[in-house]
Amino acid sequence: MYILELYQSHYSKDLVAFDSLEEGKEFVSKIPGYTLEVEDDFEVEYFNSKNLPDYMEIVFNGNIVPLSRFSFDSEENVEIIWKAISNLSVTNHYMIEGSTKIDAYVVNHEEVKAYLEERESKYNQIKDFLDRNGYEVNRNYFGSEDGEASLYRKKETIDWHFLCHLDPSLLEIKDINSFVKEMMENI
């Protein structure tokens, strides 16, 4: 199932939903001035309200959808965004399509469990290594632009030092102990 979102400046409107993307594209092709461009293998769809009359109706499968040029700023294009969404009323036995935001990063649904397990495992390896070597570890910056990070300090001292973000690049590190030593030497 796909939701058609119309986006302009800082305003967005979920307009209608379709069972297939093909149906949705058939609908938007009826909007006066609808444009489809391909940029770097990505499709970009939009229209400008200058092409809309004061009021119009698009009839699709017997449904009437009103549109008006007065709904949009004529100086900017209206972006057409397709949002895939799973219909839980339909019985299936597989992971729903899409992705989940994990801190500052987006992870495909099929990978969320493994991603979190590996991320926490890497953090615990960092924590264990630093604990054994006389350091305290703290997690901080959750929800920040760059995401959660690991900080450390020598036990019974005041100053905390940044070690690393708990981001997808952390999962690529094979030897956590060497990585931590290297990061601490660079401070």
N, C-alpha and C. Protein backbone atom coordinates (compact mmCIF):
# COMPACT_ATOMS: atom_id res chain seq x y z
N MET A 1 0.85 -1.16 0.00
CA MET A 1 0.00 0.00 0.00
C MET A 1 0.91 1.23 0.00
N TYR A 2 0.49 2.27 -0.73
CA TYR A 2 1.29 3.48 -0.85
C TYR A 2 0.45 4.70 -0.52
N ILE A 3 1.03 5.58 0.28
CA ILE A 3 0.39 6.84 0.62
C ILE A 3 1.01 7.92 -0.25
N LEU A 4 0.15 8.74 -0.85
CA LEU A 4 0.61 9.87 -1.66
C LEU A 4 0.71 11.08 -0.73
N GLU A 5 1.93 11.58 -0.58
CA GLU A 5 2.17 12.79 0.22
C GLU A 5 2.51 13.92 -0.73
N LEU A 6 1.87 15.06 -0.53
CA LEU A 6 2.22 16.28 -1.26
C LEU A 6 3.02 17.15 -0.30
N TYR A 7 4.21 17.56 -0.73
CA TYR A 7 5.11 18.30 0.15
C TYR A 7 5.58 19.57 -0.54
N GLN A 8 5.49 20.69 0.22
CA GLN A 8 5.97 21.97 -0.28
C GLN A 8 6.43 22.79 0.90
N SER A 9 7.65 23.33 0.81
CA SER A 9 8.25 24.09 1.91
C SER A 9 8.24 23.24 3.16
N HIS A 10 7.53 23.67 4.18
CA HIS A 10 7.49 22.90 5.43
C HIS A 10 6.09 22.36 5.68
N TYR A 11 5.32 22.22 4.63
CA TYR A 11 3.96 21.72 4.74
C TYR A 11 3.83 20.41 3.99
N SER A 12 3.25 19.41 4.63
CA SER A 12 3.00 18.16 3.93
C SER A 12 1.57 17.71 4.19
N LYS A 13 1.02 17.02 3.21
CA LYS A 13 -0.35 16.55 3.29
C LYS A 13 -0.39 15.13 2.75
N ASP A 14 -0.77 14.16 3.60
CA ASP A 14 -1.05 12.81 3.12
C ASP A 14 -2.41 12.89 2.46
N LEU A 15 -2.44 12.70 1.15
CA LEU A 15 -3.67 12.93 0.40
C LEU A 15 -4.53 11.69 0.28
N VAL A 16 -3.98 10.62 -0.28
CA VAL A 16 -4.75 9.40 -0.52
C VAL A 16 -3.80 8.20 -0.48
N ALA A 17 -4.40 6.99 -0.49
CA ALA A 17 -3.60 5.75 -0.48
C ALA A 17 -4.00 4.88 -1.67
N PHE A 18 -3.05 4.07 -2.13
CA PHE A 18 -3.25 3.17 -3.26
C PHE A 18 -2.73 1.79 -2.92
N ASP A 19 -3.34 0.78 -3.50
CA ASP A 19 -2.86 -0.58 -3.32
C ASP A 19 -1.54 -0.81 -4.04
N SER A 20 -1.30 -0.09 -5.13
CA SER A 20 -0.05 -0.27 -5.87
C SER A 20 0.51 1.09 -6.28
N LEU A 21 1.80 1.12 -6.48
CA LEU A 21 2.47 2.34 -6.93
C LEU A 21 2.02 2.69 -8.35
N GLU A 22 1.76 1.67 -9.16
CA GLU A 22 1.30 1.91 -10.52
C GLU A 22 -0.02 2.69 -10.53
N GLU A 23 -0.96 2.29 -9.64
CA GLU A 23 -2.24 3.01 -9.53
C GLU A 23 -2.00 4.45 -9.11
N GLY A 24 -1.11 4.63 -8.15
CA GLY A 24 -0.80 5.98 -7.68
C GLY A 24 -0.23 6.86 -8.77
N LYS A 25 0.67 6.29 -9.55
CA LYS A 25 1.27 7.07 -10.66
C LYS A 25 0.23 7.39 -11.73
N GLU A 26 -0.71 6.48 -11.93
CA GLU A 26 -1.80 6.76 -12.87
C GLU A 26 -2.61 7.95 -12.37
N PHE A 27 -2.87 8.00 -11.06
CA PHE A 27 -3.62 9.12 -10.48
C PHE A 27 -2.88 10.44 -10.64
N VAL A 28 -1.60 10.49 -10.20
CA VAL A 28 -0.87 11.77 -10.24
C VAL A 28 -0.66 12.26 -11.66
N SER A 29 -0.66 11.35 -12.64
CA SER A 29 -0.49 11.78 -14.02
C SER A 29 -1.67 12.63 -14.49
N LYS A 30 -2.77 12.61 -13.75
CA LYS A 30 -3.96 13.40 -14.09
C LYS A 30 -3.88 14.83 -13.54
N ILE A 31 -2.87 15.12 -12.70
CA ILE A 31 -2.70 16.46 -12.14
C ILE A 31 -2.08 17.35 -13.22
N PRO A 32 -2.71 18.47 -13.56
CA PRO A 32 -2.14 19.36 -14.58
C PRO A 32 -0.72 19.81 -14.21
N GLY A 33 0.17 19.66 -15.16
CA GLY A 33 1.56 20.07 -14.93
C GLY A 33 2.41 19.01 -14.25
N TYR A 34 1.85 17.82 -14.03
CA TYR A 34 2.61 16.74 -13.40
C TYR A 34 3.88 16.49 -14.21
N THR A 35 5.01 16.37 -13.50
CA THR A 35 6.30 16.16 -14.15
C THR A 35 7.03 15.01 -13.45
N LEU A 36 7.61 14.14 -14.25
CA LEU A 36 8.45 13.05 -13.75
C LEU A 36 9.82 13.23 -14.36
N GLU A 37 10.84 13.37 -13.51
CA GLU A 37 12.21 13.49 -13.97
C GLU A 37 13.04 12.39 -13.32
N VAL A 38 14.08 11.97 -14.00
CA VAL A 38 15.00 10.98 -13.45
C VAL A 38 16.33 11.67 -13.20
N GLU A 39 16.76 11.67 -11.95
CA GLU A 39 18.03 12.29 -11.56
C GLU A 39 18.87 11.24 -10.85
N ASP A 40 20.03 10.90 -11.40
CA ASP A 40 20.92 9.90 -10.80
C ASP A 40 20.18 8.62 -10.45
N ASP A 41 19.39 8.12 -11.39
CA ASP A 41 18.60 6.88 -11.23
C ASP A 41 17.48 6.99 -10.21
N PHE A 42 17.17 8.19 -9.73
CA PHE A 42 16.05 8.40 -8.83
C PHE A 42 14.96 9.17 -9.56
N GLU A 43 13.72 8.72 -9.36
CA GLU A 43 12.60 9.43 -9.95
C GLU A 43 12.19 10.58 -9.03
N VAL A 44 11.99 11.75 -9.63
CA VAL A 44 11.52 12.92 -8.91
C VAL A 44 10.21 13.33 -9.57
N GLU A 45 9.16 13.42 -8.77
CA GLU A 45 7.84 13.77 -9.29
C GLU A 45 7.37 15.04 -8.60
N TYR A 46 6.73 15.92 -9.40
CA TYR A 46 6.24 17.16 -8.83
C TYR A 46 5.23 17.80 -9.79
N PHE A 47 4.58 18.86 -9.29
CA PHE A 47 3.76 19.72 -10.13
C PHE A 47 3.83 21.11 -9.53
N ASN A 48 3.42 22.10 -10.32
CA ASN A 48 3.36 23.46 -9.81
C ASN A 48 1.90 23.89 -9.84
N SER A 49 1.46 24.51 -8.75
CA SER A 49 0.05 24.90 -8.65
C SER A 49 -0.35 25.95 -9.68
N LYS A 50 0.62 26.59 -10.33
CA LYS A 50 0.29 27.53 -11.42
C LYS A 50 -0.51 26.84 -12.51
N ASN A 51 -0.33 25.53 -12.64
CA ASN A 51 -1.00 24.75 -13.67
C ASN A 51 -2.40 24.29 -13.25
N LEU A 52 -2.74 24.48 -11.96
CA LEU A 52 -4.05 24.06 -11.48
C LEU A 52 -5.07 25.17 -11.66
N PRO A 53 -6.31 24.81 -11.94
CA PRO A 53 -7.36 25.83 -11.94
C PRO A 53 -7.71 26.22 -10.50
N ASP A 54 -8.59 27.21 -10.36
CA ASP A 54 -9.04 27.60 -9.02
C ASP A 54 -9.58 26.38 -8.27
N TYR A 55 -10.33 25.54 -8.99
CA TYR A 55 -10.89 24.33 -8.40
C TYR A 55 -10.99 23.27 -9.49
N MET A 56 -10.65 22.04 -9.12
CA MET A 56 -10.82 20.93 -10.04
C MET A 56 -11.08 19.66 -9.25
N GLU A 57 -11.59 18.66 -9.92
CA GLU A 57 -11.82 17.36 -9.31
C GLU A 57 -11.16 16.31 -10.19
N ILE A 58 -10.43 15.40 -9.55
CA ILE A 58 -9.90 14.24 -10.25
C ILE A 58 -10.74 13.06 -9.80
N VAL A 59 -11.36 12.39 -10.77
CA VAL A 59 -12.17 11.21 -10.46
C VAL A 59 -11.31 9.98 -10.72
N PHE A 60 -11.19 9.14 -9.71
CA PHE A 60 -10.36 7.94 -9.81
C PHE A 60 -11.08 6.80 -9.13
N ASN A 61 -11.39 5.76 -9.87
CA ASN A 61 -12.15 4.61 -9.36
C ASN A 61 -13.44 5.06 -8.66
N GLY A 62 -14.06 6.08 -9.21
CA GLY A 62 -15.31 6.57 -8.66
C GLY A 62 -15.15 7.52 -7.48
N ASN A 63 -13.92 7.71 -7.02
CA ASN A 63 -13.64 8.63 -5.91
C ASN A 63 -13.32 10.00 -6.48
N ILE A 64 -13.81 11.03 -5.81
CA ILE A 64 -13.59 12.41 -6.27
C ILE A 64 -12.58 13.08 -5.34
N VAL A 65 -11.49 13.55 -5.92
CA VAL A 65 -10.43 14.21 -5.15
C VAL A 65 -10.37 15.67 -5.59
N PRO A 66 -10.70 16.61 -4.69
CA PRO A 66 -10.65 18.03 -5.05
C PRO A 66 -9.22 18.57 -4.96
N LEU A 67 -8.86 19.44 -5.89
CA LEU A 67 -7.58 20.15 -5.87
C LEU A 67 -7.83 21.61 -6.23
N SER A 68 -7.00 22.50 -5.66
CA SER A 68 -7.12 23.91 -5.95
C SER A 68 -5.74 24.55 -5.97
N ARG A 69 -5.56 25.49 -6.85
CA ARG A 69 -4.29 26.21 -6.90
C ARG A 69 -4.08 27.03 -5.64
N PHE A 70 -5.16 27.34 -4.93
CA PHE A 70 -5.06 28.14 -3.71
C PHE A 70 -4.54 27.34 -2.51
N SER A 71 -4.35 26.06 -2.69
CA SER A 71 -3.85 25.21 -1.61
C SER A 71 -2.33 25.24 -1.51
N PHE A 72 -1.67 25.81 -2.53
CA PHE A 72 -0.22 25.74 -2.60
C PHE A 72 0.38 27.09 -2.95
N ASP A 73 1.66 27.26 -2.62
CA ASP A 73 2.42 28.44 -3.01
C ASP A 73 2.83 28.26 -4.47
N SER A 74 2.45 29.18 -5.33
CA SER A 74 2.74 29.03 -6.75
C SER A 74 4.20 29.27 -7.10
N GLU A 75 4.99 29.74 -6.16
CA GLU A 75 6.40 30.01 -6.42
C GLU A 75 7.27 28.77 -6.30
N GLU A 76 6.75 27.71 -5.71
CA GLU A 76 7.53 26.50 -5.51
C GLU A 76 6.79 25.29 -6.06
N ASN A 77 7.55 24.31 -6.52
CA ASN A 77 6.95 23.05 -6.95
C ASN A 77 6.41 22.29 -5.74
N VAL A 78 5.40 21.49 -5.98
CA VAL A 78 4.84 20.61 -4.97
C VAL A 78 5.43 19.23 -5.23
N GLU A 79 6.20 18.73 -4.28
CA GLU A 79 6.84 17.42 -4.44
C GLU A 79 5.83 16.31 -4.19
N ILE A 80 5.94 15.27 -4.98
CA ILE A 80 5.11 14.08 -4.82
C ILE A 80 6.00 13.02 -4.18
N ILE A 81 5.60 12.58 -3.01
CA ILE A 81 6.39 11.60 -2.26
C ILE A 81 5.53 10.36 -2.04
N TRP A 82 6.10 9.20 -2.34
CA TRP A 82 5.39 7.93 -2.15
C TRP A 82 5.91 7.27 -0.88
N LYS A 83 5.01 6.98 0.03
CA LYS A 83 5.39 6.31 1.28
C LYS A 83 4.75 4.92 1.30
N ALA A 84 5.62 3.91 1.25
CA ALA A 84 5.13 2.53 1.33
C ALA A 84 4.71 2.26 2.77
N ILE A 85 3.56 1.63 2.92
CA ILE A 85 3.07 1.30 4.25
C ILE A 85 2.40 -0.07 4.18
N SER A 86 2.61 -0.86 5.21
CA SER A 86 2.05 -2.20 5.23
C SER A 86 0.62 -2.16 5.72
N ASN A 87 -0.21 -2.99 5.13
CA ASN A 87 -1.62 -3.10 5.51
C ASN A 87 -1.76 -4.32 6.41
N LEU A 88 -1.92 -4.10 7.70
CA LEU A 88 -1.99 -5.20 8.65
C LEU A 88 -3.33 -5.92 8.64
N SER A 89 -4.27 -5.42 7.86
CA SER A 89 -5.55 -6.12 7.71
C SER A 89 -5.41 -7.32 6.77
N VAL A 90 -4.32 -7.32 5.99
CA VAL A 90 -4.03 -8.44 5.09
C VAL A 90 -3.11 -9.40 5.82
N THR A 91 -3.49 -10.68 5.87
CA THR A 91 -2.69 -11.68 6.57
C THR A 91 -1.44 -12.00 5.76
N ASN A 92 -0.30 -11.90 6.40
CA ASN A 92 1.00 -12.25 5.81
C ASN A 92 1.84 -12.89 6.89
N HIS A 93 2.91 -13.50 6.47
CA HIS A 93 3.81 -14.14 7.43
C HIS A 93 5.25 -13.69 7.15
N TYR A 94 5.42 -12.40 6.98
CA TYR A 94 6.75 -11.88 6.74
C TYR A 94 6.86 -10.49 7.37
N MET A 95 8.08 -10.03 7.45
CA MET A 95 8.36 -8.71 8.02
C MET A 95 7.71 -7.64 7.15
N ILE A 96 7.12 -6.64 7.80
CA ILE A 96 6.52 -5.55 7.04
C ILE A 96 7.61 -4.79 6.30
N GLU A 97 7.23 -4.17 5.20
CA GLU A 97 8.17 -3.39 4.40
C GLU A 97 8.53 -2.10 5.14
N GLY A 98 9.68 -1.57 4.81
CA GLY A 98 10.05 -0.26 5.33
C GLY A 98 11.27 -0.31 6.22
N SER A 99 11.39 0.72 7.03
CA SER A 99 12.56 0.87 7.89
C SER A 99 12.15 1.48 9.22
N THR A 100 13.06 1.38 10.16
CA THR A 100 12.85 1.88 11.51
C THR A 100 13.99 2.84 11.86
N LYS A 101 13.65 3.94 12.49
CA LYS A 101 14.68 4.88 12.95
C LYS A 101 15.25 4.34 14.25
N ILE A 102 16.55 4.13 14.26
CA ILE A 102 17.28 3.71 15.45
C ILE A 102 18.24 4.84 15.77
N ASP A 103 17.93 5.60 16.80
CA ASP A 103 18.69 6.78 17.17
C ASP A 103 18.72 7.73 15.98
N ALA A 104 19.87 8.01 15.39
CA ALA A 104 19.95 8.97 14.29
C ALA A 104 20.02 8.29 12.92
N TYR A 105 19.80 6.98 12.88
CA TYR A 105 19.99 6.23 11.64
C TYR A 105 18.74 5.44 11.30
N VAL A 106 18.57 5.17 10.01
CA VAL A 106 17.42 4.42 9.54
C VAL A 106 17.91 3.04 9.11
N VAL A 107 17.23 2.00 9.62
CA VAL A 107 17.63 0.62 9.37
C VAL A 107 16.44 -0.13 8.78
N ASN A 108 16.67 -0.89 7.71
CA ASN A 108 15.60 -1.70 7.12
C ASN A 108 15.02 -2.64 8.17
N HIS A 109 13.71 -2.81 8.12
CA HIS A 109 13.03 -3.66 9.12
C HIS A 109 13.68 -5.03 9.25
N GLU A 110 14.07 -5.64 8.13
CA GLU A 110 14.65 -6.98 8.17
C GLU A 110 15.97 -7.01 8.94
N GLU A 111 16.62 -5.86 9.10
CA GLU A 111 17.94 -5.80 9.71
C GLU A 111 17.94 -5.22 11.13
N VAL A 112 16.80 -4.74 11.62
CA VAL A 112 16.76 -4.04 12.90
C VAL A 112 17.26 -4.91 14.05
N LYS A 113 16.74 -6.12 14.17
CA LYS A 113 17.12 -6.98 15.30
C LYS A 113 18.62 -7.27 15.29
N ALA A 114 19.15 -7.69 14.15
CA ALA A 114 20.58 -8.00 14.05
C ALA A 114 21.42 -6.75 14.29
N TYR A 115 20.98 -5.61 13.75
CA TYR A 115 21.71 -4.35 13.92
C TYR A 115 21.82 -4.00 15.40
N LEU A 116 20.68 -4.05 16.11
CA LEU A 116 20.70 -3.71 17.53
C LEU A 116 21.52 -4.69 18.35
N GLU A 117 21.38 -5.96 18.06
CA GLU A 117 22.16 -6.96 18.80
C GLU A 117 23.65 -6.74 18.60
N GLU A 118 24.07 -6.49 17.36
CA GLU A 118 25.49 -6.29 17.10
C GLU A 118 25.99 -4.97 17.68
N ARG A 119 25.19 -3.92 17.58
CA ARG A 119 25.58 -2.63 18.14
C ARG A 119 25.77 -2.74 19.66
N GLU A 120 24.83 -3.40 20.34
CA GLU A 120 24.94 -3.54 21.79
C GLU A 120 26.11 -4.45 22.16
N SER A 121 26.36 -5.46 21.36
CA SER A 121 27.50 -6.34 21.60
C SER A 121 28.81 -5.55 21.50
N LYS A 122 28.93 -4.71 20.47
CA LYS A 122 30.14 -3.89 20.30
C LYS A 122 30.30 -2.92 21.47
N TYR A 123 29.18 -2.29 21.87
CA TYR A 123 29.26 -1.37 23.01
C TYR A 123 29.71 -2.12 24.27
N ASN A 124 29.16 -3.30 24.50
CA ASN A 124 29.54 -4.09 25.69
C ASN A 124 31.01 -4.50 25.63
N GLN A 125 31.53 -4.78 24.44
CA GLN A 125 32.96 -5.09 24.30
C GLN A 125 33.80 -3.87 24.67
N ILE A 126 33.36 -2.70 24.20
CA ILE A 126 34.06 -1.45 24.54
C ILE A 126 34.04 -1.24 26.05
N LYS A 127 32.87 -1.38 26.64
CA LYS A 127 32.70 -1.17 28.09
C LYS A 127 33.56 -2.15 28.88
N ASP A 128 33.53 -3.42 28.51
CA ASP A 128 34.34 -4.43 29.22
C ASP A 128 35.82 -4.11 29.14
N PHE A 129 36.30 -3.75 27.96
CA PHE A 129 37.71 -3.43 27.78
C PHE A 129 38.11 -2.24 28.66
N LEU A 130 37.30 -1.18 28.61
CA LEU A 130 37.63 0.01 29.40
C LEU A 130 37.50 -0.24 30.90
N ASP A 131 36.50 -1.00 31.32
CA ASP A 131 36.35 -1.35 32.75
C ASP A 131 37.59 -2.10 33.25
N ARG A 132 38.06 -3.07 32.47
CA ARG A 132 39.25 -3.86 32.86
C ARG A 132 40.51 -2.99 32.95
N ASN A 133 40.50 -1.85 32.24
CA ASN A 133 41.68 -1.00 32.21
C ASN A 133 41.54 0.26 33.06
N GLY A 134 40.58 0.26 34.00
CA GLY A 134 40.46 1.35 34.96
C GLY A 134 39.70 2.57 34.48
N TYR A 135 38.80 2.40 33.53
CA TYR A 135 38.03 3.53 33.00
C TYR A 135 36.54 3.32 33.26
N GLU A 136 35.83 4.44 33.31
CA GLU A 136 34.37 4.42 33.35
C GLU A 136 33.87 4.72 31.95
N VAL A 137 32.71 4.19 31.62
CA VAL A 137 32.12 4.41 30.29
C VAL A 137 30.72 4.96 30.48
N ASN A 138 30.34 5.87 29.60
CA ASN A 138 29.02 6.48 29.65
C ASN A 138 28.49 6.59 28.23
N ARG A 139 27.19 6.38 28.11
CA ARG A 139 26.53 6.60 26.82
C ARG A 139 25.88 7.98 26.88
N ASN A 140 26.03 8.74 25.79
CA ASN A 140 25.51 10.09 25.79
C ASN A 140 25.11 10.47 24.36
N TYR A 141 24.45 11.61 24.24
CA TYR A 141 24.03 12.22 22.96
C TYR A 141 22.91 11.48 22.24
N PHE A 142 22.16 10.63 22.95
CA PHE A 142 21.05 9.95 22.31
C PHE A 142 20.09 10.99 21.73
N GLY A 143 19.69 10.79 20.48
CA GLY A 143 18.77 11.72 19.82
C GLY A 143 19.44 12.90 19.16
N SER A 144 20.76 13.02 19.28
CA SER A 144 21.46 14.12 18.63
C SER A 144 21.57 13.84 17.13
N GLU A 145 22.03 14.83 16.39
CA GLU A 145 22.14 14.71 14.93
C GLU A 145 23.02 13.52 14.52
N ASP A 146 24.12 13.31 15.25
CA ASP A 146 25.04 12.21 14.93
C ASP A 146 24.74 10.95 15.72
N GLY A 147 23.81 11.03 16.65
CA GLY A 147 23.41 9.85 17.39
C GLY A 147 24.20 9.61 18.66
N GLU A 148 23.80 8.55 19.32
CA GLU A 148 24.38 8.19 20.61
C GLU A 148 25.88 7.90 20.48
N ALA A 149 26.62 8.24 21.54
CA ALA A 149 28.07 8.05 21.53
C ALA A 149 28.53 7.46 22.85
N SER A 150 29.72 6.90 22.80
CA SER A 150 30.36 6.33 23.97
C SER A 150 31.43 7.32 24.45
N LEU A 151 31.36 7.64 25.74
CA LEU A 151 32.34 8.53 26.38
C LEU A 151 33.08 7.73 27.45
N TYR A 152 34.29 8.15 27.78
CA TYR A 152 35.05 7.44 28.81
C TYR A 152 35.86 8.44 29.63
N ARG A 153 36.23 8.00 30.83
CA ARG A 153 37.15 8.77 31.67
C ARG A 153 37.86 7.81 32.61
N LYS A 154 39.05 8.19 33.02
CA LYS A 154 39.79 7.42 34.01
C LYS A 154 38.98 7.47 35.29
N LYS A 155 38.86 6.34 35.99
CA LYS A 155 38.07 6.30 37.23
C LYS A 155 38.60 7.34 38.21
N GLU A 156 37.66 7.98 38.88
CA GLU A 156 37.93 9.00 39.89
C GLU A 156 38.52 10.28 39.31
N THR A 157 38.28 10.54 38.03
CA THR A 157 38.65 11.83 37.44
C THR A 157 37.37 12.52 36.99
N ILE A 158 37.49 13.75 36.55
CA ILE A 158 36.31 14.55 36.21
C ILE A 158 36.03 14.58 34.71
N ASP A 159 37.06 14.68 33.89
CA ASP A 159 36.89 14.93 32.46
C ASP A 159 36.51 13.68 31.67
N TRP A 160 35.42 13.81 30.91
CA TRP A 160 34.98 12.75 29.99
C TRP A 160 35.58 13.02 28.62
N HIS A 161 35.87 11.94 27.89
CA HIS A 161 36.43 12.04 26.54
C HIS A 161 35.54 11.27 25.58
N PHE A 162 35.39 11.83 24.40
CA PHE A 162 34.61 11.17 23.35
C PHE A 162 35.40 9.98 22.82
N LEU A 163 34.72 8.84 22.65
CA LEU A 163 35.38 7.68 22.06
C LEU A 163 34.85 7.43 20.65
N CYS A 164 33.55 7.20 20.53
CA CYS A 164 32.98 6.92 19.21
C CYS A 164 31.46 7.01 19.25
N HIS A 165 30.87 7.18 18.08
CA HIS A 165 29.42 7.11 17.96
C HIS A 165 29.01 5.65 17.87
N LEU A 166 27.81 5.35 18.35
CA LEU A 166 27.27 4.00 18.25
C LEU A 166 26.43 3.96 16.97
N ASP A 167 27.12 4.03 15.85
CA ASP A 167 26.47 4.14 14.55
C ASP A 167 26.81 2.92 13.68
N PRO A 168 26.29 2.84 12.47
CA PRO A 168 26.56 1.67 11.63
C PRO A 168 28.05 1.40 11.38
N SER A 169 28.89 2.44 11.37
CA SER A 169 30.32 2.20 11.13
C SER A 169 30.96 1.40 12.27
N LEU A 170 30.42 1.48 13.47
CA LEU A 170 30.94 0.72 14.60
C LEU A 170 30.83 -0.78 14.33
N LEU A 171 29.79 -1.18 13.63
CA LEU A 171 29.57 -2.60 13.36
C LEU A 171 30.61 -3.19 12.42
N GLU A 172 31.29 -2.33 11.68
CA GLU A 172 32.31 -2.80 10.74
C GLU A 172 33.65 -3.08 11.40
N ILE A 173 33.82 -2.67 12.65
CA ILE A 173 35.09 -2.83 13.35
C ILE A 173 35.21 -4.28 13.83
N LYS A 174 36.30 -4.92 13.42
CA LYS A 174 36.51 -6.33 13.78
C LYS A 174 37.18 -6.47 15.14
N ASP A 175 38.21 -5.67 15.40
CA ASP A 175 38.97 -5.78 16.65
C ASP A 175 38.68 -4.55 17.51
N ILE A 176 37.70 -4.69 18.39
CA ILE A 176 37.26 -3.57 19.24
C ILE A 176 38.38 -3.09 20.15
N ASN A 177 39.14 -4.02 20.75
CA ASN A 177 40.19 -3.61 21.68
C ASN A 177 41.24 -2.73 20.99
N SER A 178 41.67 -3.12 19.80
CA SER A 178 42.64 -2.30 19.04
C SER A 178 42.04 -0.95 18.67
N PHE A 179 40.77 -0.97 18.28
CA PHE A 179 40.09 0.28 17.93
C PHE A 179 40.06 1.23 19.12
N VAL A 180 39.69 0.73 20.30
CA VAL A 180 39.61 1.58 21.49
C VAL A 180 40.99 2.13 21.84
N LYS A 181 42.02 1.28 21.82
CA LYS A 181 43.39 1.74 22.10
C LYS A 181 43.79 2.86 21.14
N GLU A 182 43.51 2.66 19.86
CA GLU A 182 43.87 3.65 18.84
C GLU A 182 43.15 4.96 19.09
N MET A 183 41.85 4.91 19.39
CA MET A 183 41.07 6.12 19.62
C MET A 183 41.59 6.85 20.86
N MET A 184 41.97 6.11 21.89
CA MET A 184 42.46 6.75 23.11
C MET A 184 43.83 7.38 22.90
N GLU A 185 44.65 6.80 22.03
CA GLU A 185 45.97 7.37 21.73
C GLU A 185 45.84 8.68 20.96
N ASN A 186 44.77 8.83 20.21
CA ASN A 186 44.59 10.04 19.40
C ASN A 186 44.08 11.23 20.20
N ILE A 187 43.83 11.03 21.48
CA ILE A 187 43.32 12.14 22.30
C ILE A 187 44.44 12.84 23.02
